[in-house]
Each structure stands twice: as C-alpha cells, then as structure tokens.
Amino acid sequence: MFKTMIDPKLRSQIVERLLAASDVDISAADVLDTTSFRELDLSSLILVALAAELEHELEINIDDDELSRIQTVGDLLKAIDSSQSQNRLP
C-alpha cells in the first residue's frame, strides 16, 4: 500500500471539508483512506470543486486523468502528495 507524506494536519482539514460537503453523519475518525466518495455521498462535481480549491490553496496541479480515477479519500491524498512531490526541490 502506498503511504502518503501528507501532513496529518492537512489530511484532517481535507477530511473535515469532505464531511462538511457530505450529508452522511459520521465522524472524521471514521473516515479512512479506503473510504469512498460514494460512502460519503459526494458527487464527482463536489470532488472536482474541492480539487480545484486544493490546487489553488496548495499551489499544485492534479492532472484531469488522475482526477477522474480518484474514488477514495486515499486516492485524493495520493494525488495531492504526488503533485506536492513534483513541486519539491530534489
């Protein structure tokens, strides 16, 4: 399993934003990397909007093809981590 280097504080903020957009009544502690957006009752439109916000805030770029493959919280975190890694100096 791929382990992200996402800052735990950033992960927590992302999960809180997902939960704020969701009508599902679960706590942040119950959201795992394997939790799907379908389980959170989040549409692809919400995911695209969130990704656009994160791209702007974190100064990253998530490729459209990669974005279309994101199905879980972990997928989103991996995409963010990958984009951040590309922006890091060697």
PDB file of N, CA and C in Angstrom:
ATOM      1  N   MET A   1       0.841  -1.189   0.000  1.00  0.00           N
ATOM      2  CA  MET A   1       0.000   0.000   0.000  1.00  0.00           C
ATOM      3  C   MET A   1       0.880   1.243   0.000  1.00  0.00           C
ATOM      4  N   PHE A   2       0.521   2.204  -0.817  1.00  0.00           N
ATOM      5  CA  PHE A   2       1.255   3.458  -0.942  1.00  0.00           C
ATOM      6  C   PHE A   2       0.994   4.309   0.286  1.00  0.00           C
ATOM      7  N   LYS A   3       2.046   4.776   0.919  1.00  0.00           N
ATOM      8  CA  LYS A   3       1.918   5.646   2.086  1.00  0.00           C
ATOM      9  C   LYS A   3       2.199   7.076   1.658  1.00  0.00           C
ATOM     10  N   THR A   4       1.282   7.975   1.933  1.00  0.00           N
ATOM     11  CA  THR A   4       1.478   9.367   1.557  1.00  0.00           C
ATOM     12  C   THR A   4       2.313  10.083   2.598  1.00  0.00           C
ATOM     13  N   MET A   5       2.891  11.180   2.162  1.00  0.00           N
ATOM     14  CA  MET A   5       3.668  12.028   3.052  1.00  0.00           C
ATOM     15  C   MET A   5       2.840  13.250   3.461  1.00  0.00           C
ATOM     16  N   ILE A   6       1.531  13.150   3.325  1.00  0.00           N
ATOM     17  CA  ILE A   6       0.641  14.261   3.642  1.00  0.00           C
ATOM     18  C   ILE A   6       0.741  14.579   5.130  1.00  0.00           C
ATOM     19  N   ASP A   7       0.883  15.857   5.399  1.00  0.00           N
ATOM     20  CA  ASP A   7       0.893  16.344   6.771  1.00  0.00           C
ATOM     21  C   ASP A   7      -0.433  15.950   7.435  1.00  0.00           C
ATOM     22  N   PRO A   8      -0.367  15.361   8.634  1.00  0.00           N
ATOM     23  CA  PRO A   8      -1.618  14.955   9.307  1.00  0.00           C
ATOM     24  C   PRO A   8      -2.614  16.106   9.486  1.00  0.00           C
ATOM     25  N   LYS A   9      -2.112  17.324   9.678  1.00  0.00           N
ATOM     26  CA  LYS A   9      -2.999  18.473   9.823  1.00  0.00           C
ATOM     27  C   LYS A   9      -3.736  18.741   8.509  1.00  0.00           C
ATOM     28  N   LEU A  10      -3.019  18.641   7.382  1.00  0.00           N
ATOM     29  CA  LEU A  10      -3.642  18.829   6.073  1.00  0.00           C
ATOM     30  C   LEU A  10      -4.662  17.727   5.814  1.00  0.00           C
ATOM     31  N   ARG A  11      -4.328  16.488   6.152  1.00  0.00           N
ATOM     32  CA  ARG A  11      -5.259  15.375   5.978  1.00  0.00           C
ATOM     33  C   ARG A  11      -6.541  15.642   6.756  1.00  0.00           C
ATOM     34  N   SER A  12      -6.380  16.089   7.990  1.00  0.00           N
ATOM     35  CA  SER A  12      -7.531  16.382   8.834  1.00  0.00           C
ATOM     36  C   SER A  12      -8.395  17.486   8.222  1.00  0.00           C
ATOM     37  N   GLN A  13      -7.763  18.520   7.682  1.00  0.00           N
ATOM     38  CA  GLN A  13      -8.504  19.612   7.054  1.00  0.00           C
ATOM     39  C   GLN A  13      -9.271  19.119   5.827  1.00  0.00           C
ATOM     40  N   ILE A  14      -8.640  18.266   5.045  1.00  0.00           N
ATOM     41  CA  ILE A  14      -9.303  17.726   3.848  1.00  0.00           C
ATOM     42  C   ILE A  14     -10.501  16.876   4.248  1.00  0.00           C
ATOM     43  N   VAL A  15     -10.319  16.018   5.239  1.00  0.00           N
ATOM     44  CA  VAL A  15     -11.426  15.168   5.701  1.00  0.00           C
ATOM     45  C   VAL A  15     -12.569  16.031   6.229  1.00  0.00           C
ATOM     46  N   GLU A  16     -12.255  17.069   6.988  1.00  0.00           N
ATOM     47  CA  GLU A  16     -13.299  17.949   7.510  1.00  0.00           C
ATOM     48  C   GLU A  16     -14.067  18.630   6.368  1.00  0.00           C
ATOM     49  N   ARG A  17     -13.357  19.022   5.322  1.00  0.00           N
ATOM     50  CA  ARG A  17     -14.023  19.645   4.166  1.00  0.00           C
ATOM     51  C   ARG A  17     -14.921  18.650   3.455  1.00  0.00           C
ATOM     52  N   LEU A  18     -14.452  17.419   3.327  1.00  0.00           N
ATOM     53  CA  LEU A  18     -15.286  16.382   2.706  1.00  0.00           C
ATOM     54  C   LEU A  18     -16.541  16.148   3.531  1.00  0.00           C
ATOM     55  N   LEU A  19     -16.390  16.076   4.846  1.00  0.00           N
ATOM     56  CA  LEU A  19     -17.541  15.838   5.708  1.00  0.00           C
ATOM     57  C   LEU A  19     -18.508  17.024   5.683  1.00  0.00           C
ATOM     58  N   ALA A  20     -17.982  18.228   5.574  1.00  0.00           N
ATOM     59  CA  ALA A  20     -18.839  19.413   5.504  1.00  0.00           C
ATOM     60  C   ALA A  20     -19.691  19.405   4.234  1.00  0.00           C
ATOM     61  N   ALA A  21     -19.162  18.818   3.166  1.00  0.00           N
ATOM     62  CA  ALA A  21     -19.890  18.745   1.900  1.00  0.00           C
ATOM     63  C   ALA A  21     -20.823  17.536   1.841  1.00  0.00           C
ATOM     64  N   SER A  22     -20.714  16.659   2.822  1.00  0.00           N
ATOM     65  CA  SER A  22     -21.470  15.411   2.834  1.00  0.00           C
ATOM     66  C   SER A  22     -22.681  15.515   3.757  1.00  0.00           C
ATOM     67  N   ASP A  23     -23.720  14.756   3.424  1.00  0.00           N
ATOM     68  CA  ASP A  23     -24.887  14.666   4.303  1.00  0.00           C
ATOM     69  C   ASP A  23     -24.810  13.450   5.214  1.00  0.00           C
ATOM     70  N   VAL A  24     -23.740  12.669   5.078  1.00  0.00           N
ATOM     71  CA  VAL A  24     -23.576  11.465   5.871  1.00  0.00           C
ATOM     72  C   VAL A  24     -23.140  11.863   7.281  1.00  0.00           C
ATOM     73  N   ASP A  25     -23.742  11.238   8.275  1.00  0.00           N
ATOM     74  CA  ASP A  25     -23.453  11.581   9.670  1.00  0.00           C
ATOM     75  C   ASP A  25     -22.393  10.628  10.229  1.00  0.00           C
ATOM     76  N   ILE A  26     -21.117  10.924   9.948  1.00  0.00           N
ATOM     77  CA  ILE A  26     -20.018  10.154  10.517  1.00  0.00           C
ATOM     78  C   ILE A  26     -18.958  11.133  11.011  1.00  0.00           C
ATOM     79  N   SER A  27     -18.112  10.640  11.898  1.00  0.00           N
ATOM     80  CA  SER A  27     -17.060  11.497  12.444  1.00  0.00           C
ATOM     81  C   SER A  27     -15.805  11.392  11.587  1.00  0.00           C
ATOM     82  N   ALA A  28     -14.937  12.360  11.728  1.00  0.00           N
ATOM     83  CA  ALA A  28     -13.675  12.366  10.988  1.00  0.00           C
ATOM     84  C   ALA A  28     -12.851  11.126  11.319  1.00  0.00           C
ATOM     85  N   ALA A  29     -12.944  10.656  12.549  1.00  0.00           N
ATOM     86  CA  ALA A  29     -12.187   9.470  12.967  1.00  0.00           C
ATOM     87  C   ALA A  29     -12.619   8.216  12.205  1.00  0.00           C
ATOM     88  N   ASP A  30     -13.843   8.231  11.693  1.00  0.00           N
ATOM     89  CA  ASP A  30     -14.363   7.079  10.947  1.00  0.00           C
ATOM     90  C   ASP A  30     -14.011   7.119   9.466  1.00  0.00           C
ATOM     91  N   VAL A  31     -13.401   8.209   9.010  1.00  0.00           N
ATOM     92  CA  VAL A  31     -13.026   8.339   7.604  1.00  0.00           C
ATOM     93  C   VAL A  31     -11.614   7.793   7.420  1.00  0.00           C
ATOM     94  N   LEU A  32     -11.526   6.705   6.679  1.00  0.00           N
ATOM     95  CA  LEU A  32     -10.253   6.050   6.414  1.00  0.00           C
ATOM     96  C   LEU A  32      -9.798   6.382   5.002  1.00  0.00           C
ATOM     97  N   ASP A  33      -8.556   6.030   4.685  1.00  0.00           N
ATOM     98  CA  ASP A  33      -8.076   6.224   3.317  1.00  0.00           C
ATOM     99  C   ASP A  33      -8.903   5.403   2.331  1.00  0.00           C
ATOM    100  N   THR A  34      -9.467   4.316   2.789  1.00  0.00           N
ATOM    101  CA  THR A  34     -10.266   3.443   1.923  1.00  0.00           C
ATOM    102  C   THR A  34     -11.723   3.896   1.792  1.00  0.00           C
ATOM    103  N   THR A  35     -12.108   4.934   2.526  1.00  0.00           N
ATOM    104  CA  THR A  35     -13.481   5.438   2.446  1.00  0.00           C
ATOM    105  C   THR A  35     -13.716   6.048   1.066  1.00  0.00           C
ATOM    106  N   SER A  36     -14.743   5.576   0.398  1.00  0.00           N
ATOM    107  CA  SER A  36     -15.032   6.075  -0.949  1.00  0.00           C
ATOM    108  C   SER A  36     -15.901   7.325  -0.877  1.00  0.00           C
ATOM    109  N   PHE A  37     -15.833   8.098  -1.947  1.00  0.00           N
ATOM    110  CA  PHE A  37     -16.682   9.286  -2.020  1.00  0.00           C
ATOM    111  C   PHE A  37     -18.145   8.881  -2.111  1.00  0.00           C
ATOM    112  N   ARG A  38     -18.397   7.715  -2.645  1.00  0.00           N
ATOM    113  CA  ARG A  38     -19.769   7.199  -2.699  1.00  0.00           C
ATOM    114  C   ARG A  38     -20.299   6.966  -1.277  1.00  0.00           C
ATOM    115  N   GLU A  39     -19.436   6.406  -0.396  1.00  0.00           N
ATOM    116  CA  GLU A  39     -19.837   6.189   1.001  1.00  0.00           C
ATOM    117  C   GLU A  39     -20.137   7.514   1.704  1.00  0.00           C
ATOM    118  N   LEU A  40     -19.442   8.563   1.279  1.00  0.00           N
ATOM    119  CA  LEU A  40     -19.663   9.890   1.853  1.00  0.00           C
ATOM    120  C   LEU A  40     -20.786  10.630   1.141  1.00  0.00           C
ATOM    121  N   ASP A  41     -21.370   9.970   0.129  1.00  0.00           N
ATOM    122  CA  ASP A  41     -22.452  10.546  -0.669  1.00  0.00           C
ATOM    123  C   ASP A  41     -22.027  11.862  -1.327  1.00  0.00           C
ATOM    124  N   LEU A  42     -20.803  11.857  -1.886  1.00  0.00           N
ATOM    125  CA  LEU A  42     -20.258  13.029  -2.565  1.00  0.00           C
ATOM    126  C   LEU A  42     -20.207  12.765  -4.066  1.00  0.00           C
ATOM    127  N   SER A  43     -20.692  13.702  -4.823  1.00  0.00           N
ATOM    128  CA  SER A  43     -20.714  13.564  -6.275  1.00  0.00           C
ATOM    129  C   SER A  43     -19.352  13.904  -6.864  1.00  0.00           C
ATOM    130  N   SER A  44     -19.175  13.529  -8.110  1.00  0.00           N
ATOM    131  CA  SER A  44     -17.929  13.861  -8.813  1.00  0.00           C
ATOM    132  C   SER A  44     -17.795  15.373  -8.978  1.00  0.00           C
ATOM    133  N   LEU A  45     -18.908  16.065  -9.058  1.00  0.00           N
ATOM    134  CA  LEU A  45     -18.882  17.526  -9.164  1.00  0.00           C
ATOM    135  C   LEU A  45     -18.289  18.150  -7.900  1.00  0.00           C
ATOM    136  N   ILE A  46     -18.662  17.633  -6.752  1.00  0.00           N
ATOM    137  CA  ILE A  46     -18.111  18.128  -5.486  1.00  0.00           C
ATOM    138  C   ILE A  46     -16.617  17.841  -5.423  1.00  0.00           C
ATOM    139  N   LEU A  47     -16.214  16.654  -5.865  1.00  0.00           N
ATOM    140  CA  LEU A  47     -14.796  16.303  -5.878  1.00  0.00           C
ATOM    141  C   LEU A  47     -14.006  17.251  -6.774  1.00  0.00           C
ATOM    142  N   VAL A  48     -14.526  17.551  -7.948  1.00  0.00           N
ATOM    143  CA  VAL A  48     -13.846  18.459  -8.880  1.00  0.00           C
ATOM    144  C   VAL A  48     -13.716  19.852  -8.250  1.00  0.00           C
ATOM    145  N   ALA A  49     -14.770  20.320  -7.609  1.00  0.00           N
ATOM    146  CA  ALA A  49     -14.728  21.637  -6.966  1.00  0.00           C
ATOM    147  C   ALA A  49     -13.710  21.652  -5.827  1.00  0.00           C
ATOM    148  N   LEU A  50     -13.703  20.602  -5.019  1.00  0.00           N
ATOM    149  CA  LEU A  50     -12.741  20.520  -3.922  1.00  0.00           C
ATOM    150  C   LEU A  50     -11.317  20.450  -4.450  1.00  0.00           C
ATOM    151  N   ALA A  51     -11.103  19.652  -5.486  1.00  0.00           N
ATOM    152  CA  ALA A  51      -9.769  19.531  -6.080  1.00  0.00           C
ATOM    153  C   ALA A  51      -9.295  20.887  -6.606  1.00  0.00           C
ATOM    154  N   ALA A  52     -10.189  21.647  -7.234  1.00  0.00           N
ATOM    155  CA  ALA A  52      -9.821  22.973  -7.746  1.00  0.00           C
ATOM    156  C   ALA A  52      -9.421  23.903  -6.604  1.00  0.00           C
ATOM    157  N   GLU A  53     -10.173  23.849  -5.516  1.00  0.00           N
ATOM    158  CA  GLU A  53      -9.839  24.670  -4.342  1.00  0.00           C
ATOM    159  C   GLU A  53      -8.470  24.280  -3.777  1.00  0.00           C
ATOM    160  N   LEU A  54      -8.233  22.978  -3.661  1.00  0.00           N
ATOM    161  CA  LEU A  54      -6.967  22.493  -3.107  1.00  0.00           C
ATOM    162  C   LEU A  54      -5.797  22.838  -4.018  1.00  0.00           C
ATOM    163  N   GLU A  55      -6.017  22.725  -5.326  1.00  0.00           N
ATOM    164  CA  GLU A  55      -4.955  23.084  -6.277  1.00  0.00           C
ATOM    165  C   GLU A  55      -4.547  24.542  -6.076  1.00  0.00           C
ATOM    166  N   HIS A  56      -5.531  25.403  -5.935  1.00  0.00           N
ATOM    167  CA  HIS A  56      -5.255  26.828  -5.747  1.00  0.00           C
ATOM    168  C   HIS A  56      -4.555  27.078  -4.402  1.00  0.00           C
ATOM    169  N   GLU A  57      -5.096  26.513  -3.336  1.00  0.00           N
ATOM    170  CA  GLU A  57      -4.559  26.747  -1.996  1.00  0.00           C
ATOM    171  C   GLU A  57      -3.155  26.166  -1.812  1.00  0.00           C
ATOM    172  N   LEU A  58      -2.928  24.975  -2.370  1.00  0.00           N
ATOM    173  CA  LEU A  58      -1.649  24.279  -2.163  1.00  0.00           C
ATOM    174  C   LEU A  58      -0.659  24.534  -3.299  1.00  0.00           C
ATOM    175  N   GLU A  59      -1.106  25.290  -4.313  1.00  0.00           N
ATOM    176  CA  GLU A  59      -0.276  25.583  -5.484  1.00  0.00           C
ATOM    177  C   GLU A  59       0.250  24.295  -6.133  1.00  0.00           C
ATOM    178  N   ILE A  60      -0.708  23.401  -6.416  1.00  0.00           N
ATOM    179  CA  ILE A  60      -0.404  22.131  -7.065  1.00  0.00           C
ATOM    180  C   ILE A  60      -1.285  22.002  -8.295  1.00  0.00           C
ATOM    181  N   ASN A  61      -1.048  20.939  -9.069  1.00  0.00           N
ATOM    182  CA  ASN A  61      -1.877  20.640 -10.217  1.00  0.00           C
ATOM    183  C   ASN A  61      -2.176  19.148 -10.221  1.00  0.00           C
ATOM    184  N   ILE A  62      -3.445  18.819 -10.159  1.00  0.00           N
ATOM    185  CA  ILE A  62      -3.871  17.424 -10.256  1.00  0.00           C
ATOM    186  C   ILE A  62      -4.350  17.214 -11.682  1.00  0.00           C
ATOM    187  N   ASP A  63      -3.668  16.343 -12.395  1.00  0.00           N
ATOM    188  CA  ASP A  63      -3.992  16.046 -13.783  1.00  0.00           C
ATOM    189  C   ASP A  63      -5.440  15.577 -13.905  1.00  0.00           C
ATOM    190  N   ASP A  64      -6.120  15.999 -14.975  1.00  0.00           N
ATOM    191  CA  ASP A  64      -7.521  15.622 -15.185  1.00  0.00           C
ATOM    192  C   ASP A  64      -7.717  14.110 -15.242  1.00  0.00           C
ATOM    193  N   ASP A  65      -6.765  13.399 -15.876  1.00  0.00           N
ATOM    194  CA  ASP A  65      -6.874  11.937 -15.942  1.00  0.00           C
ATOM    195  C   ASP A  65      -6.780  11.326 -14.548  1.00  0.00           C
ATOM    196  N   GLU A  66      -5.859  11.855 -13.739  1.00  0.00           N
ATOM    197  CA  GLU A  66      -5.710  11.369 -12.369  1.00  0.00           C
ATOM    198  C   GLU A  66      -6.964  11.687 -11.559  1.00  0.00           C
ATOM    199  N   LEU A  67      -7.490  12.881 -11.746  1.00  0.00           N
ATOM    200  CA  LEU A  67      -8.698  13.291 -11.029  1.00  0.00           C
ATOM    201  C   LEU A  67      -9.864  12.361 -11.351  1.00  0.00           C
ATOM    202  N   SER A  68      -9.961  11.930 -12.583  1.00  0.00           N
ATOM    203  CA  SER A  68     -11.073  11.045 -12.977  1.00  0.00           C
ATOM    204  C   SER A  68     -10.961   9.657 -12.345  1.00  0.00           C
ATOM    205  N   ARG A  69      -9.765   9.288 -11.888  1.00  0.00           N
ATOM    206  CA  ARG A  69      -9.571   7.974 -11.261  1.00  0.00           C
ATOM    207  C   ARG A  69      -9.716   8.009  -9.739  1.00  0.00           C
ATOM    208  N   ILE A  70      -9.867   9.172  -9.161  1.00  0.00           N
ATOM    209  CA  ILE A  70      -9.965   9.290  -7.704  1.00  0.00           C
ATOM    210  C   ILE A  70     -11.335   8.787  -7.245  1.00  0.00           C
ATOM    211  N   GLN A  71     -11.306   7.762  -6.397  1.00  0.00           N
ATOM    212  CA  GLN A  71     -12.539   7.163  -5.896  1.00  0.00           C
ATOM    213  C   GLN A  71     -12.630   7.182  -4.371  1.00  0.00           C
ATOM    214  N   THR A  72     -11.469   7.299  -3.702  1.00  0.00           N
ATOM    215  CA  THR A  72     -11.432   7.222  -2.241  1.00  0.00           C
ATOM    216  C   THR A  72     -10.668   8.410  -1.659  1.00  0.00           C
ATOM    217  N   VAL A  73     -10.782   8.563  -0.365  1.00  0.00           N
ATOM    218  CA  VAL A  73     -10.024   9.601   0.335  1.00  0.00           C
ATOM    219  C   VAL A  73      -8.531   9.375   0.115  1.00  0.00           C
ATOM    220  N   GLY A  74      -8.100   8.132   0.191  1.00  0.00           N
ATOM    221  CA  GLY A  74      -6.693   7.806  -0.033  1.00  0.00           C
ATOM    222  C   GLY A  74      -6.229   8.175  -1.427  1.00  0.00           C
ATOM    223  N   ASP A  75      -7.075   7.950  -2.422  1.00  0.00           N
ATOM    224  CA  ASP A  75      -6.734   8.335  -3.805  1.00  0.00           C
ATOM    225  C   ASP A  75      -6.496   9.844  -3.895  1.00  0.00           C
ATOM    226  N   LEU A  76      -7.356  10.615  -3.242  1.00  0.00           N
ATOM    227  CA  LEU A  76      -7.212  12.068  -3.257  1.00  0.00           C
ATOM    228  C   LEU A  76      -5.916  12.477  -2.564  1.00  0.00           C
ATOM    229  N   LEU A  77      -5.629  11.867  -1.426  1.00  0.00           N
ATOM    230  CA  LEU A  77      -4.404  12.189  -0.693  1.00  0.00           C
ATOM    231  C   LEU A  77      -3.166  11.828  -1.506  1.00  0.00           C
ATOM    232  N   LYS A  78      -3.212  10.695  -2.200  1.00  0.00           N
ATOM    233  CA  LYS A  78      -2.077  10.296  -3.048  1.00  0.00           C
ATOM    234  C   LYS A  78      -1.866  11.289  -4.188  1.00  0.00           C
ATOM    235  N   ALA A  79      -2.966  11.755  -4.777  1.00  0.00           N
ATOM    236  CA  ALA A  79      -2.863  12.725  -5.871  1.00  0.00           C
ATOM    237  C   ALA A  79      -2.253  14.032  -5.372  1.00  0.00           C
ATOM    238  N   ILE A  80      -2.661  14.461  -4.196  1.00  0.00           N
ATOM    239  CA  ILE A  80      -2.101  15.684  -3.614  1.00  0.00           C
ATOM    240  C   ILE A  80      -0.630  15.482  -3.301  1.00  0.00           C
ATOM    241  N   ASP A  81      -0.302  14.360  -2.678  1.00  0.00           N
ATOM    242  CA  ASP A  81       1.088  14.065  -2.325  1.00  0.00           C
ATOM    243  C   ASP A  81       1.964  14.006  -3.576  1.00  0.00           C
ATOM    244  N   SER A  82       1.471  13.359  -4.609  1.00  0.00           N
ATOM    245  CA  SER A  82       2.222  13.248  -5.859  1.00  0.00           C
ATOM    246  C   SER A  82       2.474  14.629  -6.460  1.00  0.00           C
ATOM    247  N   SER A  83       1.454  15.474  -6.463  1.00  0.00           N
ATOM    248  CA  SER A  83       1.602  16.822  -7.004  1.00  0.00           C
ATOM    249  C   SER A  83       2.559  17.654  -6.165  1.00  0.00           C
ATOM    250  N   GLN A  84       2.479  17.502  -4.849  1.00  0.00           N
ATOM    251  CA  GLN A  84       3.391  18.229  -3.973  1.00  0.00           C
ATOM    252  C   GLN A  84       4.827  17.738  -4.174  1.00  0.00           C
ATOM    253  N   SER A  85       4.998  16.436  -4.370  1.00  0.00           N
ATOM    254  CA  SER A  85       6.339  15.868  -4.585  1.00  0.00           C
ATOM    255  C   SER A  85       6.970  16.425  -5.837  1.00  0.00           C
ATOM    256  N   GLN A  86       6.182  16.629  -6.870  1.00  0.00           N
ATOM    257  CA  GLN A  86       6.696  17.174  -8.122  1.00  0.00           C
ATOM    258  C   GLN A  86       7.158  18.615  -7.946  1.00  0.00           C
ATOM    259  N   ASN A  87       6.591  19.299  -6.959  1.00  0.00           N
ATOM    260  CA  ASN A  87       6.961  20.690  -6.712  1.00  0.00           C
ATOM    261  C   ASN A  87       8.121  20.823  -5.722  1.00  0.00           C
ATOM    262  N   ARG A  88       8.502  19.708  -5.053  1.00  0.00           N
ATOM    263  CA  ARG A  88       9.590  19.763  -4.093  1.00  0.00           C
ATOM    264  C   ARG A  88      10.930  19.775  -4.815  1.00  0.00           C
ATOM    265  N   LEU A  89      11.867  20.497  -4.231  1.00  0.00           N
ATOM    266  CA  LEU A  89      13.223  20.503  -4.776  1.00  0.00           C
ATOM    267  C   LEU A  89      13.904  19.189  -4.433  1.00  0.00           C
ATOM    268  N   PRO A  90      14.760  18.687  -5.343  1.00  0.00           N
ATOM    269  CA  PRO A  90      15.457  17.418  -5.067  1.00  0.00           C
ATOM    270  C   PRO A  90      16.421  17.542  -3.914  1.00  0.00           C
TER     271      PRO A  90
END
